[in-house]
């Protein structure tokens, strides 16, 4: 897809934020997604994203929306074990 820019590493993504506050929000989001993936799938976020890319390449784009929906639902629940 030519309209989507090339991929960035996590470090490049975080470095792209000029504001420390915005960088902090991005770090929190990445950490929350990683905790969700470990809790739900027993895999880190990078592994889940790689698996999702494979699914999308096989035409199963709906799995993207399922994953995002599960993540949103997960963030709406207090996780006392996560501090």
C-alpha atoms as a PDB file:
ATOM      1  CA  UNK A   1       0.000   0.000   0.000  1.00  0.00           C
ATOM      2  CA  UNK A   2       1.759   3.071  -1.176  1.00  0.00           C
ATOM      3  CA  UNK A   3      -0.377   5.507   0.860  1.00  0.00           C
ATOM      4  CA  UNK A   4       0.831   4.044   4.181  1.00  0.00           C
ATOM      5  CA  UNK A   5       4.373   5.129   5.101  1.00  0.00           C
ATOM      6  CA  UNK A   6       7.136   2.621   5.622  1.00  0.00           C
ATOM      7  CA  UNK A   7       7.291   0.923   8.983  1.00  0.00           C
ATOM      8  CA  UNK A   8       9.081   2.360  11.958  1.00  0.00           C
ATOM      9  CA  UNK A   9      10.691   0.662  14.884  1.00  0.00           C
ATOM     10  CA  UNK A  10       9.194   1.309  18.295  1.00  0.00           C
ATOM     11  CA  UNK A  11      12.161   3.555  19.074  1.00  0.00           C
ATOM     12  CA  UNK A  12      11.702   5.559  15.856  1.00  0.00           C
ATOM     13  CA  UNK A  13       7.996   5.892  16.552  1.00  0.00           C
ATOM     14  CA  UNK A  14       8.601   7.199  20.068  1.00  0.00           C
ATOM     15  CA  UNK A  15      11.377   9.532  18.918  1.00  0.00           C
ATOM     16  CA  UNK A  16       9.000  11.106  16.395  1.00  0.00           C
ATOM     17  CA  UNK A  17       7.132  12.859  19.236  1.00  0.00           C
ATOM     18  CA  UNK A  18       8.709  16.210  20.015  1.00  0.00           C
ATOM     19  CA  UNK A  19       6.790  16.624  23.263  1.00  0.00           C
ATOM     20  CA  UNK A  20       7.814  14.478  26.228  1.00  0.00           C
ATOM     21  CA  UNK A  21       4.160  14.420  27.282  1.00  0.00           C
ATOM     22  CA  UNK A  22       3.003  12.948  23.988  1.00  0.00           C
ATOM     23  CA  UNK A  23       5.905  10.503  24.031  1.00  0.00           C
ATOM     24  CA  UNK A  24       4.750   9.403  27.493  1.00  0.00           C
ATOM     25  CA  UNK A  25       1.191   8.848  26.260  1.00  0.00           C
ATOM     26  CA  UNK A  26       2.507   6.767  23.340  1.00  0.00           C
ATOM     27  CA  UNK A  27       4.683   4.702  25.713  1.00  0.00           C
ATOM     28  CA  UNK A  28       1.671   4.096  27.961  1.00  0.00           C
ATOM     29  CA  UNK A  29      -0.410   2.948  25.002  1.00  0.00           C
ATOM     30  CA  UNK A  30       2.302   0.579  23.810  1.00  0.00           C
ATOM     31  CA  UNK A  31       2.747  -0.803  27.322  1.00  0.00           C
ATOM     32  CA  UNK A  32      -1.018  -1.295  27.751  1.00  0.00           C
ATOM     33  CA  UNK A  33      -1.261  -3.119  24.418  1.00  0.00           C
ATOM     34  CA  UNK A  34       1.670  -5.338  25.382  1.00  0.00           C
ATOM     35  CA  UNK A  35       0.055  -6.163  28.749  1.00  0.00           C
ATOM     36  CA  UNK A  36      -3.221  -6.934  26.962  1.00  0.00           C
ATOM     37  CA  UNK A  37      -1.484  -9.278  24.523  1.00  0.00           C
ATOM     38  CA  UNK A  38       0.334 -11.093  27.331  1.00  0.00           C
ATOM     39  CA  UNK A  39      -2.873 -11.389  29.363  1.00  0.00           C
ATOM     40  CA  UNK A  40      -5.122 -12.436  26.503  1.00  0.00           C
ATOM     41  CA  UNK A  41      -2.789 -14.413  24.219  1.00  0.00           C
ATOM     42  CA  UNK A  42       0.322 -15.149  26.319  1.00  0.00           C
ATOM     43  CA  UNK A  43       2.407 -13.441  23.623  1.00  0.00           C
ATOM     44  CA  UNK A  44       4.044 -10.025  23.509  1.00  0.00           C
ATOM     45  CA  UNK A  45       2.582  -7.282  21.329  1.00  0.00           C
ATOM     46  CA  UNK A  46       5.193  -7.693  18.584  1.00  0.00           C
ATOM     47  CA  UNK A  47       4.320 -11.370  18.180  1.00  0.00           C
ATOM     48  CA  UNK A  48       0.594 -10.630  18.052  1.00  0.00           C
ATOM     49  CA  UNK A  49       1.078  -7.913  15.427  1.00  0.00           C
ATOM     50  CA  UNK A  50       3.242 -10.221  13.306  1.00  0.00           C
ATOM     51  CA  UNK A  51       0.552 -12.917  13.538  1.00  0.00           C
ATOM     52  CA  UNK A  52      -2.107 -10.351  12.626  1.00  0.00           C
ATOM     53  CA  UNK A  53      -0.130  -9.280   9.547  1.00  0.00           C
ATOM     54  CA  UNK A  54      -0.070 -12.916   8.401  1.00  0.00           C
ATOM     55  CA  UNK A  55      -3.841 -13.165   8.863  1.00  0.00           C
ATOM     56  CA  UNK A  56      -4.440  -9.962   6.901  1.00  0.00           C
ATOM     57  CA  UNK A  57      -2.194 -11.201   4.082  1.00  0.00           C
ATOM     58  CA  UNK A  58      -4.421 -14.289   3.976  1.00  0.00           C
ATOM     59  CA  UNK A  59      -7.478 -12.071   3.516  1.00  0.00           C
ATOM     60  CA  UNK A  60      -8.745 -12.214   7.096  1.00  0.00           C
ATOM     61  CA  UNK A  61      -8.932  -8.459   7.681  1.00  0.00           C
ATOM     62  CA  UNK A  62     -11.840  -8.804  10.127  1.00  0.00           C
ATOM     63  CA  UNK A  63      -9.395 -10.152  12.717  1.00  0.00           C
ATOM     64  CA  UNK A  64      -7.951  -6.630  12.959  1.00  0.00           C
ATOM     65  CA  UNK A  65     -11.290  -5.328  14.199  1.00  0.00           C
ATOM     66  CA  UNK A  66     -11.722  -8.268  16.558  1.00  0.00           C
ATOM     67  CA  UNK A  67      -8.311  -7.576  18.104  1.00  0.00           C
ATOM     68  CA  UNK A  68      -9.002  -3.843  18.447  1.00  0.00           C
ATOM     69  CA  UNK A  69     -12.407  -4.517  19.978  1.00  0.00           C
ATOM     70  CA  UNK A  70     -10.911  -6.952  22.488  1.00  0.00           C
ATOM     71  CA  UNK A  71      -8.228  -4.412  23.411  1.00  0.00           C
ATOM     72  CA  UNK A  72     -10.792  -1.645  23.944  1.00  0.00           C
ATOM     73  CA  UNK A  73     -12.914  -3.969  26.096  1.00  0.00           C
ATOM     74  CA  UNK A  74      -9.810  -4.982  28.079  1.00  0.00           C
ATOM     75  CA  UNK A  75      -8.882  -1.349  28.754  1.00  0.00           C
ATOM     76  CA  UNK A  76     -12.343  -0.713  30.213  1.00  0.00           C
ATOM     77  CA  UNK A  77     -11.732  -3.239  32.997  1.00  0.00           C
ATOM     78  CA  UNK A  78      -9.645  -2.506  36.079  1.00  0.00           C
ATOM     79  CA  UNK A  79      -6.698  -4.872  36.301  1.00  0.00           C
ATOM     80  CA  UNK A  80      -5.660  -4.837  39.944  1.00  0.00           C
ATOM     81  CA  UNK A  81      -2.738  -7.163  39.176  1.00  0.00           C
ATOM     82  CA  UNK A  82      -1.235  -4.519  36.892  1.00  0.00           C
ATOM     83  CA  UNK A  83       0.345  -1.576  38.649  1.00  0.00           C
END
